[in-house]
Amino acid sequence: QVQLVESGGGLVQSGGSLRLACTASGSIYRLRVMGWYRQTPGHQRELVASINSGGSRNYADFVKGRFTISRDNAENTGYLQMNSLKPEDTAVYYCYAFAGMPERQYWGQGTQVTVSS
């Protein structure tokens, strides 16, 4: 089993920045992909960004140029640097990872990000 613990959410004004962190622990084997989804009430989760173990990144169009995802493989930790935040970025952000053999998807507990106008 893999546990994902998130940190770094909070309240920020429009135009501000936050950094989310997600640390994996437990029976970690081949932590292939780490990333974040976000969800607002009444809507499905949407992919924000992901990064694989080789460093290849993928971003949703609505965060390109504003968010940067990175990871520290030695610490099994992923980071999401969020700049130029907008009120529409307000959501619960969920860290996820694909890991293990056989591979499966794991989820963090979610962290609230609120951007005030």
Protein backbone atom coordinates (compact mmCIF):
# COMPACT_ATOMS: atom_id res chain seq x y z
CA GLN A 1 0.00 0.00 0.00
CA VAL A 2 1.03 3.54 -0.74
CA GLN A 3 -0.11 6.54 1.27
CA LEU A 4 -0.12 10.05 -0.19
CA VAL A 5 -0.10 13.02 2.17
CA GLU A 6 -0.74 16.48 0.80
CA SER A 7 0.11 19.87 2.19
CA GLY A 8 0.21 23.49 1.12
CA GLY A 9 -3.36 24.50 0.38
CA GLY A 10 -4.97 27.62 1.76
CA LEU A 11 -6.45 31.02 1.01
CA VAL A 12 -4.74 33.47 -1.30
CA GLN A 13 -5.71 36.61 -3.17
CA SER A 14 -6.10 36.69 -6.92
CA GLY A 15 -2.67 36.91 -8.54
CA GLY A 16 -0.98 35.21 -5.63
CA SER A 17 0.91 31.94 -5.37
CA LEU A 18 0.73 28.68 -3.48
CA ARG A 19 2.81 25.52 -3.56
CA LEU A 20 1.29 22.12 -2.97
CA ALA A 21 3.34 19.12 -1.91
CA CYS A 22 2.48 15.43 -2.00
CA THR A 23 4.66 12.86 -0.26
CA ALA A 24 4.34 9.14 -0.86
CA SER A 25 5.11 6.60 1.84
CA GLY A 26 4.56 2.92 2.51
CA SER A 27 5.33 0.05 0.16
CA ILE A 28 6.58 2.23 -2.64
CA TYR A 29 7.67 0.42 -5.75
CA ARG A 30 8.05 2.17 -9.05
CA LEU A 31 6.34 5.48 -8.36
CA ARG A 32 5.74 6.00 -12.06
CA VAL A 33 3.46 9.04 -12.24
CA MET A 34 2.53 11.76 -9.77
CA GLY A 35 0.09 14.57 -10.34
CA TRP A 36 -2.94 16.53 -9.29
CA TYR A 37 -6.61 16.65 -10.13
CA ARG A 38 -8.99 19.28 -8.85
CA GLN A 39 -12.70 19.26 -8.13
CA THR A 40 -15.38 21.84 -7.43
CA PRO A 41 -18.86 21.05 -6.05
CA GLY A 42 -21.12 19.50 -8.64
CA HIS A 43 -18.32 18.89 -11.12
CA GLN A 44 -16.11 15.95 -12.00
CA ARG A 45 -12.47 15.91 -11.11
CA GLU A 46 -10.30 17.40 -13.82
CA LEU A 47 -6.63 16.76 -14.44
CA VAL A 48 -4.39 19.69 -13.59
CA ALA A 49 -0.87 18.38 -14.18
CA SER A 50 1.21 15.23 -14.07
CA ILE A 51 4.86 14.22 -14.15
CA ASN A 52 6.42 10.82 -14.71
CA SER A 53 9.54 9.33 -13.20
CA GLY A 54 11.57 10.50 -16.19
CA GLY A 55 10.48 14.11 -15.71
CA SER A 56 8.03 14.41 -18.60
CA ARG A 57 5.26 16.85 -17.72
CA ASN A 58 1.68 17.26 -18.83
CA TYR A 59 -0.52 20.29 -18.10
CA ALA A 60 -4.15 21.14 -18.59
CA ASP A 61 -4.58 24.09 -20.94
CA PHE A 62 -6.14 26.21 -18.20
CA VAL A 63 -2.93 26.15 -16.10
CA LYS A 64 -0.23 26.28 -18.78
CA GLY A 65 2.16 29.12 -18.12
CA ARG A 66 0.96 29.54 -14.55
CA PHE A 67 1.51 26.19 -12.79
CA THR A 68 4.69 24.13 -12.65
CA ILE A 69 4.87 20.52 -11.53
CA SER A 70 8.07 18.93 -10.29
CA ARG A 71 9.16 15.95 -8.24
CA ASP A 72 11.97 14.84 -5.98
CA ASN A 73 12.40 11.15 -6.67
CA ALA A 74 14.75 10.65 -3.73
CA GLU A 75 12.08 12.02 -1.37
CA ASN A 76 9.09 10.50 -3.22
CA THR A 77 7.54 13.95 -3.22
CA GLY A 78 5.77 15.89 -5.92
CA TYR A 79 5.25 19.63 -5.99
CA LEU A 80 2.77 21.89 -7.74
CA GLN A 81 3.83 25.53 -7.86
CA MET A 82 0.78 27.63 -8.63
CA ASN A 83 1.35 31.23 -9.70
CA SER A 84 -0.98 33.94 -10.99
CA LEU A 85 -3.88 32.25 -9.26
CA LYS A 86 -7.41 33.14 -10.32
CA PRO A 87 -10.70 32.79 -8.45
CA GLU A 88 -11.67 30.04 -10.89
CA ASP A 89 -8.72 27.99 -9.58
CA THR A 90 -10.64 27.59 -6.31
CA ALA A 91 -11.14 23.87 -5.77
CA VAL A 92 -10.09 20.87 -3.74
CA TYR A 93 -6.83 19.62 -5.19
CA TYR A 94 -6.18 15.89 -5.04
CA CYS A 95 -2.73 14.41 -5.41
CA TYR A 96 -2.55 11.07 -7.18
CA ALA A 97 0.09 8.55 -8.13
CA PHE A 98 0.44 5.40 -10.18
CA ALA A 99 2.71 2.99 -8.37
CA GLY A 100 3.34 -0.59 -7.50
CA MET A 101 3.37 -3.96 -9.23
CA PRO A 102 0.72 -4.60 -10.35
CA GLU A 103 0.27 -0.90 -10.84
CA ARG A 104 -2.66 0.90 -9.32
CA GLN A 105 -3.76 4.44 -8.69
CA TYR A 106 -3.55 6.05 -5.26
CA TRP A 107 -5.12 9.29 -4.01
CA GLY A 108 -4.24 11.86 -1.41
CA GLN A 109 -6.75 13.27 1.06
CA GLY A 110 -7.28 16.49 -0.88
CA THR A 111 -6.39 20.04 0.06
CA GLN A 112 -8.54 23.13 -0.33
CA VAL A 113 -7.27 25.99 -2.43
CA THR A 114 -9.33 29.19 -2.26
CA VAL A 115 -8.52 32.23 -4.38
CA SER A 116 -10.33 35.43 -3.44
CA SER A 117 -11.04 38.18 -5.94
